[in-house]
Amino acid sequence: MGLISSKRHLLAALPFTLLAAGPVHADLDTVRFGVPPWPGVTVKSEIAAQLLQAMGYQTQQNELAVGVILNGLASDDLEVYLGGWYPIEQEMIDPLVADHKVAKVAKNISDANSGLVVPEYVHEAGVDSVADLDRYRDRFDGEIQGIEAGTGINDAILAAIDADKAGLGNWQLRESSTSAMLAYADQKIADKEWVTFVGWEPHWMNVSYDLYYLKDADDSGTADILSTVWTVVPADLESEDANLYRFLSQYRVDIDDQNDWVYQYSHEERPADEVASEWIRGHYDKVAQWLDGVTAKDGEPAIDAVKAELGS
């Protein structure tokens, strides 16, 4: 997972009641993030935290399991979760929204693609959709490279094979770890050989390799899988701190930017705080959009406070 920011409290194993300290929200002088151990959410949370710190807030980043994070938001023990992945977490989050315990503030990542990918040179040779794979079965050795057994995308591929959808009935899924799959794909790509494997956004693979996301065919469920990542907060956050709520409602990230963050943090193993501060200083135009109408604790425009704190 790369290096973990030194600012984060590694509290995943503790009962959640131990996280609460002082009055609820503490007048929102302190903004507490729930951060699962995922590279993209790690850097995304670090960038938000650095902006808030420059605005005069204190921040805490707590590494926790998703279920613990959602319970923390519902009980006002946390303020922000930037990793509400839909549709994967929909059944966990929607009941809390319906019960008015949490709110979905913004889609901080929209239309993230996942599913089977091929190198761009394979696409240029004629592979555009899942249905095209079987036309070139020998070039791929009849194999699809997958990730860890039991994951949703692997199960979808196995179901497509069992049902012979898109001509995949005589193919094999090679399940392994994500790192092993990418190491195998890396060697194939280096040798300009044909390979198809599981890809997703945001991830550093999209920076390292020139990939093509296959179109789905025969409703195989193995490609064109679009996801959305929501910012989730306690239901009363807007009334508690409208300024913070406005920032979070405007904090929307381009997939290409998060791909780059994950590449720097996870693949290059740079500290999250360095990746975050460097990116902020190089993208004040984007930061200004996020902070439009937002003020620092002392009342000055938030973007001015950020520039004064982080420099250019």
Protein backbone atom coordinates (compact mmCIF):
# COMPACT_ATOMS: atom_id res chain seq x y z
CA MET A 1 0.00 0.00 0.00
CA GLY A 2 3.05 2.29 0.10
CA LEU A 3 3.97 4.71 2.83
CA ILE A 4 1.34 5.91 5.29
CA SER A 5 1.31 9.59 6.20
CA SER A 6 2.79 10.21 9.63
CA LYS A 7 -0.28 12.30 10.48
CA ARG A 8 -2.57 9.30 10.48
CA HIS A 9 -3.67 7.45 13.62
CA LEU A 10 -3.60 3.69 13.05
CA LEU A 11 -6.70 2.82 15.04
CA ALA A 12 -8.39 0.11 13.03
CA ALA A 13 -8.13 -2.47 15.81
CA LEU A 14 -9.60 -0.25 18.57
CA PRO A 15 -13.24 -0.10 19.65
CA PHE A 16 -14.75 2.90 17.95
CA THR A 17 -15.92 4.46 21.21
CA LEU A 18 -12.27 5.13 22.02
CA LEU A 19 -12.04 7.50 19.05
CA ALA A 20 -14.46 10.06 20.43
CA ALA A 21 -12.76 12.73 22.49
CA GLY A 22 -14.42 15.88 23.80
CA PRO A 23 -17.75 17.27 22.66
CA VAL A 24 -19.40 16.12 19.45
CA HIS A 25 -17.90 18.02 16.48
CA ALA A 26 -15.93 20.17 18.99
CA ASP A 27 -17.51 23.16 17.18
CA LEU A 28 -15.77 21.74 14.13
CA ASP A 29 -12.43 23.15 15.12
CA THR A 30 -11.26 19.61 14.33
CA VAL A 31 -12.29 17.69 11.21
CA ARG A 32 -11.92 13.94 11.60
CA PHE A 33 -11.51 11.81 8.49
CA GLY A 34 -12.19 8.10 8.21
CA VAL A 35 -9.63 6.67 5.80
CA PRO A 36 -9.62 3.04 4.61
CA PRO A 37 -6.17 1.72 3.61
CA TRP A 38 -6.66 2.52 -0.07
CA PRO A 39 -4.05 4.66 -1.87
CA GLY A 40 -6.53 6.85 -3.73
CA VAL A 41 -8.55 7.77 -0.64
CA THR A 42 -5.33 8.21 1.35
CA VAL A 43 -3.98 10.98 -0.90
CA LYS A 44 -7.42 12.48 -1.52
CA SER A 45 -7.94 12.79 2.24
CA GLU A 46 -4.44 14.21 2.73
CA ILE A 47 -5.07 16.96 0.14
CA ALA A 48 -8.37 17.90 1.78
CA ALA A 49 -6.71 17.88 5.21
CA GLN A 50 -3.88 20.17 4.09
CA LEU A 51 -6.36 22.64 2.62
CA LEU A 52 -8.43 22.62 5.82
CA GLN A 53 -5.34 23.07 7.99
CA ALA A 54 -4.34 26.11 5.92
CA MET A 55 -7.86 27.45 6.54
CA GLY A 56 -7.39 27.16 10.31
CA TYR A 57 -8.98 23.79 11.07
CA GLN A 58 -7.30 20.97 12.94
CA THR A 59 -7.57 17.58 11.23
CA GLN A 60 -7.25 13.93 12.18
CA GLN A 61 -6.94 11.07 9.72
CA ASN A 62 -7.99 7.75 11.20
CA GLU A 63 -7.24 4.54 9.29
CA LEU A 64 -10.27 2.33 9.79
CA ALA A 65 -12.34 -0.35 8.12
CA VAL A 66 -15.27 0.91 6.03
CA GLY A 67 -17.93 -0.42 8.40
CA VAL A 68 -16.29 1.34 11.35
CA ILE A 69 -16.05 4.57 9.36
CA LEU A 70 -19.75 4.52 8.51
CA ASN A 71 -20.68 3.85 12.12
CA GLY A 72 -18.45 6.74 13.14
CA LEU A 73 -20.16 9.12 10.73
CA ALA A 74 -23.60 8.00 11.91
CA SER A 75 -22.65 8.61 15.57
CA ASP A 76 -20.87 11.96 14.96
CA ASP A 77 -17.46 10.51 15.83
CA LEU A 78 -16.14 11.36 12.35
CA GLU A 79 -16.88 14.18 9.92
CA VAL A 80 -15.65 13.03 6.50
CA TYR A 81 -15.36 9.87 4.41
CA LEU A 82 -14.11 10.35 0.84
CA GLY A 83 -14.38 6.72 -0.27
CA GLY A 84 -18.09 5.90 -0.56
CA TRP A 85 -17.74 3.56 -3.54
CA TYR A 86 -20.96 2.88 -5.45
CA PRO A 87 -22.38 0.43 -6.24
CA ILE A 88 -20.09 -1.66 -3.98
CA GLU A 89 -20.98 0.18 -0.75
CA GLN A 90 -24.52 1.16 -1.71
CA GLU A 91 -26.20 -1.41 0.54
CA MET A 92 -24.12 -0.14 3.49
CA ILE A 93 -24.63 3.60 2.95
CA ASP A 94 -28.16 4.00 1.57
CA PRO A 95 -29.92 2.71 4.74
CA LEU A 96 -27.97 5.28 6.80
CA VAL A 97 -29.04 8.02 4.38
CA ALA A 98 -32.67 6.87 4.61
CA ASP A 99 -32.44 6.98 8.42
CA HIS A 100 -31.05 10.56 8.23
CA LYS A 101 -27.83 9.53 9.93
CA VAL A 102 -25.44 10.37 7.09
CA ALA A 103 -25.58 12.45 3.91
CA LYS A 104 -23.97 12.03 0.50
CA VAL A 105 -22.47 15.44 -0.23
CA ALA A 106 -20.88 15.09 -3.67
CA LYS A 107 -19.60 12.65 -6.23
CA ASN A 108 -15.89 13.24 -5.71
CA ILE A 109 -15.10 10.72 -8.50
CA SER A 110 -17.59 10.14 -11.33
CA ASP A 111 -17.81 7.40 -13.98
CA ALA A 112 -14.74 5.46 -12.89
CA ASN A 113 -14.36 2.54 -15.29
CA SER A 114 -13.42 -1.03 -14.41
CA GLY A 115 -13.39 -4.36 -16.21
CA LEU A 116 -11.23 -6.19 -18.70
CA VAL A 117 -8.47 -4.17 -20.36
CA VAL A 118 -5.88 -4.77 -23.07
CA PRO A 119 -2.79 -2.80 -24.02
CA GLU A 120 -3.48 -0.12 -26.62
CA TYR A 121 -1.45 -2.00 -29.24
CA VAL A 122 -3.82 -4.96 -28.84
CA HIS A 123 -6.82 -2.69 -29.27
CA GLU A 124 -5.27 -1.19 -32.41
CA ALA A 125 -4.88 -4.73 -33.78
CA GLY A 126 -8.65 -5.29 -33.61
CA VAL A 127 -9.72 -6.02 -30.02
CA ASP A 128 -12.43 -3.52 -29.10
CA SER A 129 -14.91 -5.48 -26.99
CA VAL A 130 -15.10 -8.62 -24.87
CA ALA A 131 -16.62 -10.39 -27.88
CA ASP A 132 -13.40 -9.84 -29.84
CA LEU A 133 -11.25 -11.77 -27.38
CA ASP A 134 -12.22 -15.22 -28.61
CA ARG A 135 -11.33 -14.32 -32.20
CA TYR A 136 -7.74 -14.09 -31.01
CA ARG A 137 -7.84 -16.78 -28.33
CA ASP A 138 -4.46 -18.23 -29.26
CA ARG A 139 -2.77 -14.85 -28.97
CA PHE A 140 -4.00 -14.64 -25.36
CA ASP A 141 -3.36 -18.36 -24.62
CA GLY A 142 -7.06 -18.52 -23.69
CA GLU A 143 -6.34 -16.81 -20.38
CA ILE A 144 -7.74 -13.82 -18.54
CA GLN A 145 -5.53 -12.47 -15.76
CA GLY A 146 -7.54 -11.77 -12.62
CA ILE A 147 -7.01 -10.47 -9.11
CA GLU A 148 -7.73 -12.03 -5.73
CA ALA A 149 -10.21 -14.92 -5.62
CA GLY A 150 -13.67 -13.99 -4.36
CA THR A 151 -13.64 -10.41 -5.62
CA GLY A 152 -16.68 -9.16 -7.52
CA ILE A 153 -14.97 -8.77 -10.88
CA ASN A 154 -13.44 -12.26 -10.70
CA ASP A 155 -16.85 -13.72 -9.88
CA ALA A 156 -18.34 -11.86 -12.86
CA ILE A 157 -15.66 -13.27 -15.17
CA LEU A 158 -16.19 -16.81 -13.86
CA ALA A 159 -19.96 -16.44 -14.34
CA ALA A 160 -19.42 -15.28 -17.94
CA ILE A 161 -17.17 -18.29 -18.57
CA ASP A 162 -19.72 -20.69 -17.06
CA ALA A 163 -22.51 -19.20 -19.21
CA ASP A 164 -20.30 -18.99 -22.31
CA LYS A 165 -21.09 -15.32 -22.69
CA ALA A 166 -19.23 -13.40 -25.41
CA GLY A 167 -17.56 -16.64 -26.45
CA LEU A 168 -15.62 -17.00 -23.18
CA GLY A 169 -16.81 -20.55 -22.43
CA ASN A 170 -13.47 -22.19 -23.18
CA TRP A 171 -11.34 -19.53 -21.47
CA GLN A 172 -9.58 -19.76 -18.11
CA LEU A 173 -9.39 -17.13 -15.38
CA ARG A 174 -5.99 -17.01 -13.76
CA GLU A 175 -6.62 -15.71 -10.23
CA SER A 176 -3.76 -14.20 -8.25
CA SER A 177 -2.92 -11.15 -6.17
CA THR A 178 -3.25 -7.72 -7.72
CA SER A 179 0.52 -7.20 -7.52
CA ALA A 180 1.20 -10.57 -9.19
CA MET A 181 -1.33 -9.84 -11.95
CA LEU A 182 0.26 -6.47 -12.68
CA ALA A 183 3.77 -7.94 -12.61
CA TYR A 184 2.67 -10.52 -15.19
CA ALA A 185 0.99 -7.85 -17.32
CA ASP A 186 4.06 -5.64 -17.04
CA GLN A 187 6.28 -8.34 -18.52
CA LYS A 188 3.81 -9.06 -21.33
CA ILE A 189 3.55 -5.37 -22.18
CA ALA A 190 7.32 -4.92 -22.09
CA ASP A 191 7.60 -7.71 -24.68
CA LYS A 192 4.65 -6.38 -26.73
CA GLU A 193 2.80 -9.66 -26.20
CA TRP A 194 -0.98 -9.96 -25.98
CA VAL A 195 -2.62 -9.97 -22.56
CA THR A 196 -6.02 -9.14 -21.10
CA PHE A 197 -6.47 -8.46 -17.40
CA VAL A 198 -8.61 -6.68 -14.84
CA GLY A 199 -8.23 -2.91 -14.82
CA TRP A 200 -9.85 -0.11 -12.87
CA GLU A 201 -9.78 3.60 -12.28
CA PRO A 202 -8.31 5.34 -10.39
CA HIS A 203 -5.06 3.35 -10.24
CA TRP A 204 -1.41 3.84 -11.13
CA MET A 205 -1.70 1.22 -13.91
CA ASN A 206 -3.44 3.90 -15.99
CA VAL A 207 -0.34 6.08 -15.71
CA SER A 208 2.25 3.35 -16.24
CA TYR A 209 0.59 1.65 -19.21
CA ASP A 210 -1.32 2.74 -22.29
CA LEU A 211 -4.48 0.69 -21.68
CA TYR A 212 -7.80 0.28 -23.47
CA TYR A 213 -10.93 -0.59 -21.47
CA LEU A 214 -12.90 -3.12 -23.48
CA LYS A 215 -16.55 -2.58 -24.31
CA ASP A 216 -18.95 -5.14 -22.91
CA ALA A 217 -20.74 -7.69 -25.11
CA ASP A 218 -23.53 -10.18 -24.58
CA ASP A 219 -24.18 -8.57 -21.16
CA SER A 220 -21.15 -10.44 -19.88
CA GLY A 221 -20.71 -8.13 -16.89
CA THR A 222 -16.94 -8.18 -17.35
CA ALA A 223 -16.44 -4.69 -18.83
CA ASP A 224 -17.92 -1.19 -18.91
CA ILE A 225 -18.51 -1.30 -15.16
CA LEU A 226 -18.95 2.31 -14.08
CA SER A 227 -18.55 3.37 -10.46
CA THR A 228 -19.03 6.57 -8.47
CA VAL A 229 -17.22 7.60 -5.30
CA TRP A 230 -19.25 9.69 -2.86
CA THR A 231 -18.19 12.02 -0.08
CA VAL A 232 -20.18 10.92 2.99
CA VAL A 233 -20.66 13.04 6.12
CA PRO A 234 -22.91 13.12 9.20
CA ALA A 235 -26.44 14.21 8.30
CA ASP A 236 -26.17 17.37 10.41
CA LEU A 237 -22.85 18.60 9.06
CA GLU A 238 -24.31 21.34 6.87
CA SER A 239 -26.06 22.92 9.86
CA GLU A 240 -22.97 22.48 12.04
CA ASP A 241 -20.48 24.03 9.60
CA ALA A 242 -21.87 25.33 6.31
CA ASN A 243 -18.42 26.54 5.25
CA LEU A 244 -16.87 23.07 5.57
CA TYR A 245 -19.92 21.55 3.89
CA ARG A 246 -19.54 23.92 0.93
CA PHE A 247 -15.90 22.94 0.46
CA LEU A 248 -16.75 19.24 0.55
CA SER A 249 -19.63 19.73 -1.89
CA GLN A 250 -17.18 21.31 -4.35
CA TYR A 251 -14.30 18.87 -3.80
CA ARG A 252 -14.59 16.86 -7.03
CA VAL A 253 -11.53 15.10 -8.41
CA ASP A 254 -10.60 14.33 -12.01
CA ILE A 255 -9.84 10.64 -12.49
CA ASP A 256 -6.56 11.47 -14.23
CA ASP A 257 -5.45 13.47 -11.20
CA GLN A 258 -6.21 10.64 -8.79
CA ASN A 259 -4.48 8.16 -11.11
CA ASP A 260 -1.39 10.35 -10.80
CA TRP A 261 -1.73 10.63 -7.00
CA VAL A 262 -1.92 6.86 -6.68
CA TYR A 263 1.05 6.43 -9.01
CA GLN A 264 3.18 8.82 -6.95
CA TYR A 265 2.11 7.45 -3.57
CA SER A 266 1.67 3.73 -4.18
CA HIS A 267 3.94 2.96 -7.14
CA GLU A 268 6.72 5.48 -6.48
CA GLU A 269 6.27 5.11 -2.69
CA ARG A 270 6.39 8.82 -1.97
CA PRO A 271 4.86 10.04 1.33
CA ALA A 272 1.24 11.11 0.97
CA ASP A 273 1.88 14.53 2.50
CA GLU A 274 4.60 15.28 -0.07
CA VAL A 275 2.42 14.16 -2.98
CA ALA A 276 -0.44 16.29 -1.67
CA SER A 277 1.44 19.52 -1.01
CA GLU A 278 3.33 19.34 -4.30
CA TRP A 279 0.11 18.80 -6.25
CA ILE A 280 -1.70 21.64 -4.48
CA ARG A 281 1.08 24.13 -5.22
CA GLY A 282 1.01 23.15 -8.89
CA HIS A 283 -2.78 23.31 -9.31
CA TYR A 284 -4.09 26.44 -7.61
CA ASP A 285 -6.55 26.95 -10.46
CA LYS A 286 -8.30 23.69 -9.56
CA VAL A 287 -7.99 24.36 -5.82
CA ALA A 288 -9.62 27.77 -6.32
CA GLN A 289 -12.66 26.04 -7.84
CA TRP A 290 -12.93 23.77 -4.82
CA LEU A 291 -12.67 26.76 -2.47
CA ASP A 292 -15.00 29.12 -4.33
CA GLY A 293 -17.03 30.98 -1.71
CA VAL A 294 -15.24 29.19 1.14
CA THR A 295 -13.52 31.18 3.90
CA ALA A 296 -10.72 30.49 6.34
CA LYS A 297 -11.37 30.57 10.08
CA ASP A 298 -10.26 34.21 10.22
CA GLY A 299 -12.73 35.17 7.50
CA GLU A 300 -10.32 35.67 4.61
CA PRO A 301 -10.89 33.84 1.31
CA ALA A 302 -9.78 30.25 1.75
CA ILE A 303 -7.68 30.23 -1.43
CA ASP A 304 -5.62 33.17 -0.10
CA ALA A 305 -5.02 31.34 3.17
CA VAL A 306 -3.93 28.21 1.32
CA LYS A 307 -1.47 30.11 -0.87
CA ALA A 308 -0.06 31.92 2.17
CA GLU A 309 0.41 28.64 4.04
CA LEU A 310 1.69 26.39 1.26
CA GLY A 311 3.43 28.91 -1.01
CA SER A 312 3.76 28.70 -4.77
